[in-house]
Amino acid sequence: MKDLFYRLIIFLNTASEKDTNYNIALFMANNFYRISTMRISELADACYVSPATISRFCRALGYENFAHLKQECMSFHADTKKFNNLINIPLKMMKQTPTLATDAYVKQVVKTLLQLPATLDWKVIDQVLRLIHDTKEIALFGTQFSNSAAIHFQTDLLMLEKFSLAYMDGERQLECAKKMSSDGLAIIFSVNGNYAIGNFKTLQYLRRSGCTTVLITCASSDCMHIPIDYTINIGHPEDGKTGKHALLTTVELMSLRYYTMYYPSLDDLQEKLVNRK
C-alpha cells in the first residue's frame, strides 16, 4: 500500500504542474480518504479530465484499472494497524516513553549492522563491481527507500566516472527494462524482496533481455521470480525493518571498494587529460 503513496509523491515531485497527471496526483494526495468511495466519473469531474484519463493514470501507478486502485484504498482504510509495521517498536512505548523507544530501536539497528561483516560476501561483491566497471549499459531498479539507495549509489558511481541509469518512477523503470540488451547489467535494490510486487512486467522484460541481473536484498534470491545471476545478501528476512540501514551501509562500502579498485590515480587522470588535448 505504501507504494501508492510513494508513486504519488514521485509524480508531485517530478512532473510539471501543467501535466494532467500532476493534477490528478495532487487531488488524490489531498483527498485520499475520499477515493475509496468515489466513482471514476466523480474523480474525473473533480480533476476536470475524462474517465479514460483516470484509467490511464491508474495504469501509470501500476494498477490494472480504477477499481483495482480503489480496492487497495479500501483495504488501507480498513487496516487499523497500518502504521504498526514502520519499525519494531510498540506504539505504546513510543507514545509514553520515546527515549526508551529510541534506545530499543537503535539497539535493533546496531544488531543488524554488527552482523553485516559476517553477512557480506566480498567475493560476490567484487565480481559485481568488476561487471560495473566493464559494462557500458547499467541500470538500477528499486522502489521507496531501496530506490533512494540506488540513486545514492548512482551518484557515487558518477563521481567515480561511471554512468548508470536509475529512474524514480515505475513507468520509466519499465521502459528502461524494455530497452535493456543482453550486454546490459541490471541491479535490483530490494531490502525485503518486495520489488516483485507491482513490478512484474519490468522483471519479465529484464529476463527476456538476457542481461546480467544482480539482486541486493535481505530476502531469498528467488523472491524476484526470475533468474538472478548474482545475489548480494545484506541480512536475514527477519531484519527487514532494519535492513534499510544495512542496505545504505552496503552501498557506501561498495562505492568505497569500487574507488580503491578502479578509480584512476591522480597521475592517470593527468595523463588522460593530456591525451585528450
C-alpha atoms as a PDB file:
ATOM      1  CA  MET A   1       0.000   0.000   0.000  1.00  0.00           C
ATOM      2  CA  LYS A   2       2.856   2.362   0.767  1.00  0.00           C
ATOM      3  CA  ASP A   3       3.849   2.038  -2.885  1.00  0.00           C
ATOM      4  CA  LEU A   4       0.769   4.077  -3.890  1.00  0.00           C
ATOM      5  CA  PHE A   5       1.818   6.998  -1.694  1.00  0.00           C
ATOM      6  CA  TYR A   6       5.387   6.691  -2.970  1.00  0.00           C
ATOM      7  CA  ARG A   7       4.282   6.856  -6.597  1.00  0.00           C
ATOM      8  CA  LEU A   8       2.008   9.813  -5.927  1.00  0.00           C
ATOM      9  CA  ILE A   9       4.908  11.631  -4.300  1.00  0.00           C
ATOM     10  CA  ILE A  10       7.112  10.908  -7.330  1.00  0.00           C
ATOM     11  CA  PHE A  11       4.530  12.442  -9.663  1.00  0.00           C
ATOM     12  CA  LEU A  12       4.232  15.519  -7.467  1.00  0.00           C
ATOM     13  CA  ASN A  13       7.993  15.917  -7.085  1.00  0.00           C
ATOM     14  CA  THR A  14       8.993  15.356 -10.708  1.00  0.00           C
ATOM     15  CA  ALA A  15       6.100  16.189 -13.045  1.00  0.00           C
ATOM     16  CA  SER A  16       5.291  19.622 -14.397  1.00  0.00           C
ATOM     17  CA  GLU A  17       2.364  21.387 -12.758  1.00  0.00           C
ATOM     18  CA  LYS A  18       0.922  21.686 -16.263  1.00  0.00           C
ATOM     19  CA  ASP A  19       0.877  17.889 -16.615  1.00  0.00           C
ATOM     20  CA  THR A  20      -2.616  16.379 -16.402  1.00  0.00           C
ATOM     21  CA  ASN A  21      -1.285  13.515 -14.270  1.00  0.00           C
ATOM     22  CA  TYR A  22       0.176  16.050 -11.830  1.00  0.00           C
ATOM     23  CA  ASN A  23      -3.282  17.486 -11.207  1.00  0.00           C
ATOM     24  CA  ILE A  24      -4.776  14.028 -10.667  1.00  0.00           C
ATOM     25  CA  ALA A  25      -1.969  13.093  -8.270  1.00  0.00           C
ATOM     26  CA  LEU A  26      -2.413  16.385  -6.409  1.00  0.00           C
ATOM     27  CA  PHE A  27      -6.142  15.823  -5.969  1.00  0.00           C
ATOM     28  CA  MET A  28      -5.609  12.243  -4.774  1.00  0.00           C
ATOM     29  CA  ALA A  29      -2.911  13.303  -2.312  1.00  0.00           C
ATOM     30  CA  ASN A  30      -5.190  15.938  -0.792  1.00  0.00           C
ATOM     31  CA  ASN A  31      -8.357  13.835  -0.869  1.00  0.00           C
ATOM     32  CA  PHE A  32      -7.041  10.327  -0.387  1.00  0.00           C
ATOM     33  CA  TYR A  33      -9.695   9.285   2.107  1.00  0.00           C
ATOM     34  CA  ARG A  34     -12.433  10.120  -0.414  1.00  0.00           C
ATOM     35  CA  ILE A  35     -11.072   7.940  -3.241  1.00  0.00           C
ATOM     36  CA  SER A  36     -12.366   4.630  -1.866  1.00  0.00           C
ATOM     37  CA  THR A  37     -15.978   5.891  -2.036  1.00  0.00           C
ATOM     38  CA  MET A  38     -15.794   7.790  -5.339  1.00  0.00           C
ATOM     39  CA  ARG A  39     -16.916   6.575  -8.739  1.00  0.00           C
ATOM     40  CA  ILE A  40     -14.476   7.021 -11.587  1.00  0.00           C
ATOM     41  CA  SER A  41     -16.766   9.653 -13.136  1.00  0.00           C
ATOM     42  CA  GLU A  42     -16.769  11.633  -9.875  1.00  0.00           C
ATOM     43  CA  LEU A  43     -12.990  11.599  -9.692  1.00  0.00           C
ATOM     44  CA  ALA A  44     -12.763  12.583 -13.369  1.00  0.00           C
ATOM     45  CA  ASP A  45     -15.119  15.523 -12.822  1.00  0.00           C
ATOM     46  CA  ALA A  46     -13.173  16.641  -9.742  1.00  0.00           C
ATOM     47  CA  CYS A  47      -9.931  16.639 -11.763  1.00  0.00           C
ATOM     48  CA  TYR A  48     -11.539  18.130 -14.913  1.00  0.00           C
ATOM     49  CA  VAL A  49     -10.482  15.154 -17.040  1.00  0.00           C
ATOM     50  CA  SER A  50     -12.197  12.202 -18.702  1.00  0.00           C
ATOM     51  CA  PRO A  51     -12.685   8.779 -17.072  1.00  0.00           C
ATOM     52  CA  ALA A  52     -10.303   7.387 -19.705  1.00  0.00           C
ATOM     53  CA  THR A  53      -7.586   9.735 -18.434  1.00  0.00           C
ATOM     54  CA  ILE A  54      -8.175   8.485 -14.883  1.00  0.00           C
ATOM     55  CA  SER A  55      -7.859   4.901 -16.124  1.00  0.00           C
ATOM     56  CA  ARG A  56      -4.558   5.676 -17.848  1.00  0.00           C
ATOM     57  CA  PHE A  57      -3.257   7.350 -14.694  1.00  0.00           C
ATOM     58  CA  CYS A  58      -4.187   4.291 -12.621  1.00  0.00           C
ATOM     59  CA  ARG A  59      -2.219   2.088 -15.006  1.00  0.00           C
ATOM     60  CA  ALA A  60       0.715   4.506 -14.748  1.00  0.00           C
ATOM     61  CA  LEU A  61       0.613   3.951 -10.985  1.00  0.00           C
ATOM     62  CA  GLY A  62       0.863   0.203 -11.538  1.00  0.00           C
ATOM     63  CA  TYR A  63      -2.815  -0.733 -11.158  1.00  0.00           C
ATOM     64  CA  GLU A  64      -4.955  -2.610 -13.656  1.00  0.00           C
ATOM     65  CA  ASN A  65      -7.726  -0.030 -13.518  1.00  0.00           C
ATOM     66  CA  PHE A  66      -9.513   2.399 -11.206  1.00  0.00           C
ATOM     67  CA  ALA A  67     -11.395  -0.416  -9.477  1.00  0.00           C
ATOM     68  CA  HIS A  68      -8.078  -2.055  -8.577  1.00  0.00           C
ATOM     69  CA  LEU A  69      -6.714   1.181  -7.094  1.00  0.00           C
ATOM     70  CA  LYS A  70      -9.985   1.816  -5.271  1.00  0.00           C
ATOM     71  CA  GLN A  71      -9.880  -1.667  -3.755  1.00  0.00           C
ATOM     72  CA  GLU A  72      -6.424  -1.010  -2.329  1.00  0.00           C
ATOM     73  CA  CYS A  73      -7.588   2.305  -0.892  1.00  0.00           C
ATOM     74  CA  MET A  74     -10.456   0.475   0.823  1.00  0.00           C
ATOM     75  CA  SER A  75      -8.110  -2.100   2.319  1.00  0.00           C
ATOM     76  CA  PHE A  76      -5.870   0.696   3.618  1.00  0.00           C
ATOM     77  CA  HIS A  77      -8.768   2.379   5.411  1.00  0.00           C
ATOM     78  CA  ALA A  78      -9.862  -0.945   6.912  1.00  0.00           C
ATOM     79  CA  ASP A  79      -6.396  -1.727   8.303  1.00  0.00           C
ATOM     80  CA  THR A  80      -6.315  -0.309  11.827  1.00  0.00           C
ATOM     81  CA  LYS A  81      -2.676  -1.415  12.193  1.00  0.00           C
ATOM     82  CA  LYS A  82      -1.442   0.285   9.031  1.00  0.00           C
ATOM     83  CA  PHE A  83       1.368   2.132  10.823  1.00  0.00           C
ATOM     84  CA  ASN A  84       2.429  -0.680  13.143  1.00  0.00           C
ATOM     85  CA  ASN A  85       4.842  -2.062  10.562  1.00  0.00           C
ATOM     86  CA  LEU A  86       7.065   1.019  10.297  1.00  0.00           C
ATOM     87  CA  ILE A  87       9.605  -0.277  12.826  1.00  0.00           C
ATOM     88  CA  ASN A  88       9.608  -2.969  15.513  1.00  0.00           C
ATOM     89  CA  ILE A  89       8.676  -0.666  18.362  1.00  0.00           C
ATOM     90  CA  PRO A  90       5.419  -0.944  20.352  1.00  0.00           C
ATOM     91  CA  LEU A  91       3.194   2.063  19.757  1.00  0.00           C
ATOM     92  CA  LYS A  92       2.516   2.368  23.486  1.00  0.00           C
ATOM     93  CA  MET A  93       6.255   2.621  24.188  1.00  0.00           C
ATOM     94  CA  MET A  94       6.736   5.309  21.533  1.00  0.00           C
ATOM     95  CA  LYS A  95       3.772   7.296  22.843  1.00  0.00           C
ATOM     96  CA  GLN A  96       4.653   7.138  26.538  1.00  0.00           C
ATOM     97  CA  THR A  97       8.454   6.850  26.592  1.00  0.00           C
ATOM     98  CA  PRO A  98      10.038   7.992  23.311  1.00  0.00           C
ATOM     99  CA  THR A  99      13.529   7.930  24.844  1.00  0.00           C
ATOM    100  CA  LEU A 100      13.111   4.273  25.739  1.00  0.00           C
ATOM    101  CA  ALA A 101      11.706   3.598  22.257  1.00  0.00           C
ATOM    102  CA  THR A 102      14.727   5.314  20.732  1.00  0.00           C
ATOM    103  CA  ASP A 103      17.082   3.123  22.750  1.00  0.00           C
ATOM    104  CA  ALA A 104      15.215  -0.034  21.728  1.00  0.00           C
ATOM    105  CA  TYR A 105      15.248   0.840  18.040  1.00  0.00           C
ATOM    106  CA  VAL A 106      18.907   1.891  17.986  1.00  0.00           C
ATOM    107  CA  LYS A 107      19.816  -1.462  19.547  1.00  0.00           C
ATOM    108  CA  GLN A 108      17.938  -3.245  16.742  1.00  0.00           C
ATOM    109  CA  VAL A 109      19.801  -1.245  14.096  1.00  0.00           C
ATOM    110  CA  VAL A 110      23.158  -1.836  15.789  1.00  0.00           C
ATOM    111  CA  LYS A 111      22.482  -5.578  15.950  1.00  0.00           C
ATOM    112  CA  THR A 112      21.764  -5.654  12.211  1.00  0.00           C
ATOM    113  CA  LEU A 113      24.899  -3.669  11.366  1.00  0.00           C
ATOM    114  CA  LEU A 114      27.110  -5.770  13.642  1.00  0.00           C
ATOM    115  CA  GLN A 115      26.055  -8.852  11.655  1.00  0.00           C
ATOM    116  CA  LEU A 116      26.972  -7.221   8.347  1.00  0.00           C
ATOM    117  CA  PRO A 117      30.716  -8.111   8.267  1.00  0.00           C
ATOM    118  CA  ALA A 118      29.851 -11.807   8.515  1.00  0.00           C
ATOM    119  CA  THR A 119      26.945 -11.478   6.083  1.00  0.00           C
ATOM    120  CA  LEU A 120      28.549  -9.690   3.139  1.00  0.00           C
ATOM    121  CA  ASP A 121      30.293 -11.952   0.626  1.00  0.00           C
ATOM    122  CA  TRP A 122      33.026  -9.746  -0.798  1.00  0.00           C
ATOM    123  CA  LYS A 123      33.932 -12.298  -3.455  1.00  0.00           C
ATOM    124  CA  VAL A 124      30.471 -11.823  -4.940  1.00  0.00           C
ATOM    125  CA  ILE A 125      30.573  -8.060  -4.436  1.00  0.00           C
ATOM    126  CA  ASP A 126      33.946  -7.815  -6.186  1.00  0.00           C
ATOM    127  CA  GLN A 127      32.540  -9.782  -9.132  1.00  0.00           C
ATOM    128  CA  VAL A 128      29.647  -7.317  -9.332  1.00  0.00           C
ATOM    129  CA  LEU A 129      31.983  -4.332  -9.107  1.00  0.00           C
ATOM    130  CA  ARG A 130      34.063  -5.799 -11.926  1.00  0.00           C
ATOM    131  CA  LEU A 131      30.882  -6.075 -14.003  1.00  0.00           C
ATOM    132  CA  ILE A 132      30.011  -2.462 -13.209  1.00  0.00           C
ATOM    133  CA  HIS A 133      33.479  -1.383 -14.313  1.00  0.00           C
ATOM    134  CA  ASP A 134      33.420  -3.409 -17.539  1.00  0.00           C
ATOM    135  CA  THR A 135      29.784  -2.875 -18.589  1.00  0.00           C
ATOM    136  CA  LYS A 136      28.619   0.183 -20.516  1.00  0.00           C
ATOM    137  CA  GLU A 137      24.858  -0.311 -20.082  1.00  0.00           C
ATOM    138  CA  ILE A 138      23.972  -0.278 -16.367  1.00  0.00           C
ATOM    139  CA  ALA A 139      20.514   0.277 -14.878  1.00  0.00           C
ATOM    140  CA  LEU A 140      19.499   0.334 -11.218  1.00  0.00           C
ATOM    141  CA  PHE A 141      15.986  -0.636 -10.094  1.00  0.00           C
ATOM    142  CA  GLY A 142      14.111  -0.244  -6.812  1.00  0.00           C
ATOM    143  CA  THR A 143      11.169   1.321  -5.016  1.00  0.00           C
ATOM    144  CA  GLN A 144      10.772   3.511  -1.951  1.00  0.00           C
ATOM    145  CA  PHE A 145      13.883   3.522   0.275  1.00  0.00           C
ATOM    146  CA  SER A 146      15.620   0.930  -1.900  1.00  0.00           C
ATOM    147  CA  ASN A 147      15.267   3.290  -4.851  1.00  0.00           C
ATOM    148  CA  SER A 148      16.794   6.092  -2.788  1.00  0.00           C
ATOM    149  CA  ALA A 149      19.764   3.819  -2.051  1.00  0.00           C
ATOM    150  CA  ALA A 150      20.019   3.036  -5.774  1.00  0.00           C
ATOM    151  CA  ILE A 151      20.166   6.751  -6.627  1.00  0.00           C
ATOM    152  CA  HIS A 152      22.741   7.248  -3.863  1.00  0.00           C
ATOM    153  CA  PHE A 153      24.866   4.520  -5.477  1.00  0.00           C
ATOM    154  CA  GLN A 154      24.276   6.025  -8.931  1.00  0.00           C
ATOM    155  CA  THR A 155      25.605   9.362  -7.663  1.00  0.00           C
ATOM    156  CA  ASP A 156      28.703   7.745  -6.147  1.00  0.00           C
ATOM    157  CA  LEU A 157      29.416   5.880  -9.384  1.00  0.00           C
ATOM    158  CA  LEU A 158      29.072   9.061 -11.408  1.00  0.00           C
ATOM    159  CA  MET A 159      31.610  10.751  -9.138  1.00  0.00           C
ATOM    160  CA  LEU A 160      33.877   7.813  -9.969  1.00  0.00           C
ATOM    161  CA  GLU A 161      33.349   8.410 -13.707  1.00  0.00           C
ATOM    162  CA  LYS A 162      30.906   5.520 -14.183  1.00  0.00           C
ATOM    163  CA  PHE A 163      27.499   6.370 -15.642  1.00  0.00           C
ATOM    164  CA  SER A 164      24.363   4.374 -14.843  1.00  0.00           C
ATOM    165  CA  LEU A 165      20.604   4.840 -15.070  1.00  0.00           C
ATOM    166  CA  ALA A 166      18.285   4.929 -12.049  1.00  0.00           C
ATOM    167  CA  TYR A 167      14.735   6.161 -12.584  1.00  0.00           C
ATOM    168  CA  MET A 168      12.439   7.044  -9.715  1.00  0.00           C
ATOM    169  CA  ASP A 169       9.054   6.128 -11.179  1.00  0.00           C
ATOM    170  CA  GLY A 170       7.893   2.671 -12.164  1.00  0.00           C
ATOM    171  CA  GLU A 171       6.864   3.612 -15.689  1.00  0.00           C
ATOM    172  CA  ARG A 172      10.333   4.828 -16.613  1.00  0.00           C
ATOM    173  CA  GLN A 173      11.882   1.765 -14.985  1.00  0.00           C
ATOM    174  CA  LEU A 174       9.598  -0.377 -17.139  1.00  0.00           C
ATOM    175  CA  GLU A 175      10.626   1.480 -20.302  1.00  0.00           C
ATOM    176  CA  CYS A 176      14.260   1.121 -19.288  1.00  0.00           C
ATOM    177  CA  ALA A 177      13.840  -2.641 -18.848  1.00  0.00           C
ATOM    178  CA  LYS A 178      12.256  -2.888 -22.302  1.00  0.00           C
ATOM    179  CA  LYS A 179      15.381  -1.340 -23.838  1.00  0.00           C
ATOM    180  CA  MET A 180      17.944  -3.450 -21.970  1.00  0.00           C
ATOM    181  CA  SER A 181      20.216  -5.554 -24.170  1.00  0.00           C
ATOM    182  CA  SER A 182      21.889  -8.873 -23.439  1.00  0.00           C
ATOM    183  CA  ASP A 183      25.112  -6.936 -22.796  1.00  0.00           C
ATOM    184  CA  GLY A 184      23.492  -4.844 -20.062  1.00  0.00           C
ATOM    185  CA  LEU A 185      23.685  -5.066 -16.289  1.00  0.00           C
ATOM    186  CA  ALA A 186      20.570  -4.656 -14.126  1.00  0.00           C
ATOM    187  CA  ILE A 187      20.971  -4.201 -10.370  1.00  0.00           C
ATOM    188  CA  ILE A 188      17.800  -4.584  -8.309  1.00  0.00           C
ATOM    189  CA  PHE A 189      17.740  -2.998  -4.846  1.00  0.00           C
ATOM    190  CA  SER A 190      15.042  -4.567  -2.678  1.00  0.00           C
ATOM    191  CA  VAL A 191      15.522  -4.857   1.088  1.00  0.00           C
ATOM    192  CA  ASN A 192      12.548  -7.156   1.662  1.00  0.00           C
ATOM    193  CA  GLY A 193      12.213  -8.555  -1.842  1.00  0.00           C
ATOM    194  CA  ASN A 194       9.062  -6.540  -2.433  1.00  0.00           C
ATOM    195  CA  TYR A 195      10.184  -5.110  -5.768  1.00  0.00           C
ATOM    196  CA  ALA A 196       8.444  -8.044  -7.433  1.00  0.00           C
ATOM    197  CA  ILE A 197       5.118  -6.714  -6.120  1.00  0.00           C
ATOM    198  CA  GLY A 198       3.816  -4.288  -8.717  1.00  0.00           C
ATOM    199  CA  ASN A 199       6.868  -4.596 -10.983  1.00  0.00           C
ATOM    200  CA  PHE A 200       6.229  -7.997 -12.548  1.00  0.00           C
ATOM    201  CA  LYS A 201       6.364  -6.647 -16.099  1.00  0.00           C
ATOM    202  CA  THR A 202       9.661  -4.863 -15.504  1.00  0.00           C
ATOM    203  CA  LEU A 203      11.227  -8.067 -14.205  1.00  0.00           C
ATOM    204  CA  GLN A 204       9.887 -10.075 -17.130  1.00  0.00           C
ATOM    205  CA  TYR A 205      11.429  -7.626 -19.613  1.00  0.00           C
ATOM    206  CA  LEU A 206      14.749  -7.924 -17.782  1.00  0.00           C
ATOM    207  CA  ARG A 207      14.516 -11.698 -18.045  1.00  0.00           C
ATOM    208  CA  ARG A 208      13.702 -11.550 -21.761  1.00  0.00           C
ATOM    209  CA  SER A 209      16.575  -9.169 -22.451  1.00  0.00           C
ATOM    210  CA  GLY A 210      19.123 -11.723 -21.314  1.00  0.00           C
ATOM    211  CA  CYS A 211      21.005  -9.055 -19.379  1.00  0.00           C
ATOM    212  CA  THR A 212      23.058  -9.897 -16.310  1.00  0.00           C
ATOM    213  CA  THR A 213      20.991  -9.394 -13.159  1.00  0.00           C
ATOM    214  CA  VAL A 214      22.145  -8.579  -9.623  1.00  0.00           C
ATOM    215  CA  LEU A 215      19.929  -8.537  -6.538  1.00  0.00           C
ATOM    216  CA  ILE A 216      20.815  -6.730  -3.289  1.00  0.00           C
ATOM    217  CA  THR A 217      18.450  -7.905  -0.553  1.00  0.00           C
ATOM    218  CA  CYS A 218      17.714  -9.403   2.857  1.00  0.00           C
ATOM    219  CA  ALA A 219      15.281 -11.819   1.211  1.00  0.00           C
ATOM    220  CA  SER A 220      15.925 -15.055  -0.664  1.00  0.00           C
ATOM    221  CA  SER A 221      17.405 -14.963  -4.161  1.00  0.00           C
ATOM    222  CA  ASP A 222      14.224 -16.404  -5.727  1.00  0.00           C
ATOM    223  CA  CYS A 223      11.967 -13.579  -4.470  1.00  0.00           C
ATOM    224  CA  MET A 224      12.086 -11.826  -7.871  1.00  0.00           C
ATOM    225  CA  HIS A 225      10.701 -14.914  -9.673  1.00  0.00           C
ATOM    226  CA  ILE A 226      13.263 -14.522 -12.453  1.00  0.00           C
ATOM    227  CA  PRO A 227      16.790 -15.960 -12.744  1.00  0.00           C
ATOM    228  CA  ILE A 228      19.291 -13.858 -10.767  1.00  0.00           C
ATOM    229  CA  ASP A 229      22.971 -14.101 -11.669  1.00  0.00           C
ATOM    230  CA  TYR A 230      24.429 -12.552  -8.514  1.00  0.00           C
ATOM    231  CA  THR A 231      22.827 -12.040  -5.111  1.00  0.00           C
ATOM    232  CA  ILE A 232      24.383  -9.705  -2.564  1.00  0.00           C
ATOM    233  CA  ASN A 233      22.863 -10.712   0.745  1.00  0.00           C
ATOM    234  CA  ILE A 234      22.774  -7.900   3.306  1.00  0.00           C
ATOM    235  CA  GLY A 235      20.917  -9.637   6.119  1.00  0.00           C
ATOM    236  CA  HIS A 236      18.162 -12.047   7.028  1.00  0.00           C
ATOM    237  CA  PRO A 237      14.402 -11.816   6.321  1.00  0.00           C
ATOM    238  CA  GLU A 238      13.780 -11.022   9.979  1.00  0.00           C
ATOM    239  CA  ASP A 239      15.989  -7.940   9.582  1.00  0.00           C
ATOM    240  CA  GLY A 240      13.515  -6.432   7.113  1.00  0.00           C
ATOM    241  CA  LYS A 241      12.629  -3.383   9.178  1.00  0.00           C
ATOM    242  CA  THR A 242      16.245  -2.524   9.962  1.00  0.00           C
ATOM    243  CA  GLY A 243      17.550  -3.819   6.646  1.00  0.00           C
ATOM    244  CA  LYS A 244      17.436  -0.359   5.078  1.00  0.00           C
ATOM    245  CA  HIS A 245      20.337   0.620   7.314  1.00  0.00           C
ATOM    246  CA  ALA A 246      22.274  -2.439   6.143  1.00  0.00           C
ATOM    247  CA  LEU A 247      21.457  -1.544   2.523  1.00  0.00           C
ATOM    248  CA  LEU A 248      22.744   2.019   2.832  1.00  0.00           C
ATOM    249  CA  THR A 249      25.886   0.831   4.616  1.00  0.00           C
ATOM    250  CA  THR A 250      26.500  -1.814   1.951  1.00  0.00           C
ATOM    251  CA  VAL A 251      26.066   0.708  -0.866  1.00  0.00           C
ATOM    252  CA  GLU A 252      28.573   3.080   0.718  1.00  0.00           C
ATOM    253  CA  LEU A 253      31.065   0.252   1.272  1.00  0.00           C
ATOM    254  CA  MET A 254      30.632  -0.850  -2.357  1.00  0.00           C
ATOM    255  CA  SER A 255      31.292   2.690  -3.550  1.00  0.00           C
ATOM    256  CA  LEU A 256      34.472   2.905  -1.494  1.00  0.00           C
ATOM    257  CA  ARG A 257      35.586  -0.536  -2.680  1.00  0.00           C
ATOM    258  CA  TYR A 258      34.991   0.489  -6.302  1.00  0.00           C
ATOM    259  CA  TYR A 259      37.074   3.616  -5.682  1.00  0.00           C
ATOM    260  CA  THR A 260      40.001   1.608  -4.305  1.00  0.00           C
ATOM    261  CA  MET A 261      39.866  -0.907  -7.153  1.00  0.00           C
ATOM    262  CA  TYR A 262      39.100   1.127 -10.252  1.00  0.00           C
ATOM    263  CA  TYR A 263      39.287   4.874  -9.791  1.00  0.00           C
ATOM    264  CA  PRO A 264      42.405   6.182 -11.566  1.00  0.00           C
ATOM    265  CA  SER A 265      45.221   7.775  -9.649  1.00  0.00           C
ATOM    266  CA  LEU A 266      45.935  11.492  -9.994  1.00  0.00           C
ATOM    267  CA  ASP A 267      48.793  10.687 -12.374  1.00  0.00           C
ATOM    268  CA  ASP A 268      46.482   8.590 -14.548  1.00  0.00           C
ATOM    269  CA  LEU A 269      43.902  11.383 -14.623  1.00  0.00           C
ATOM    270  CA  GLN A 270      46.509  13.925 -15.669  1.00  0.00           C
ATOM    271  CA  GLU A 271      47.737  11.589 -18.399  1.00  0.00           C
ATOM    272  CA  LYS A 272      44.155  11.172 -19.623  1.00  0.00           C
ATOM    273  CA  LEU A 273      43.713  14.934 -19.803  1.00  0.00           C
ATOM    274  CA  VAL A 274      46.976  15.330 -21.722  1.00  0.00           C
ATOM    275  CA  ASN A 275      45.935  12.645 -24.223  1.00  0.00           C
ATOM    276  CA  ARG A 276      42.634  14.420 -24.852  1.00  0.00           C
ATOM    277  CA  LYS A 277      44.378  17.622 -25.944  1.00  0.00           C
END
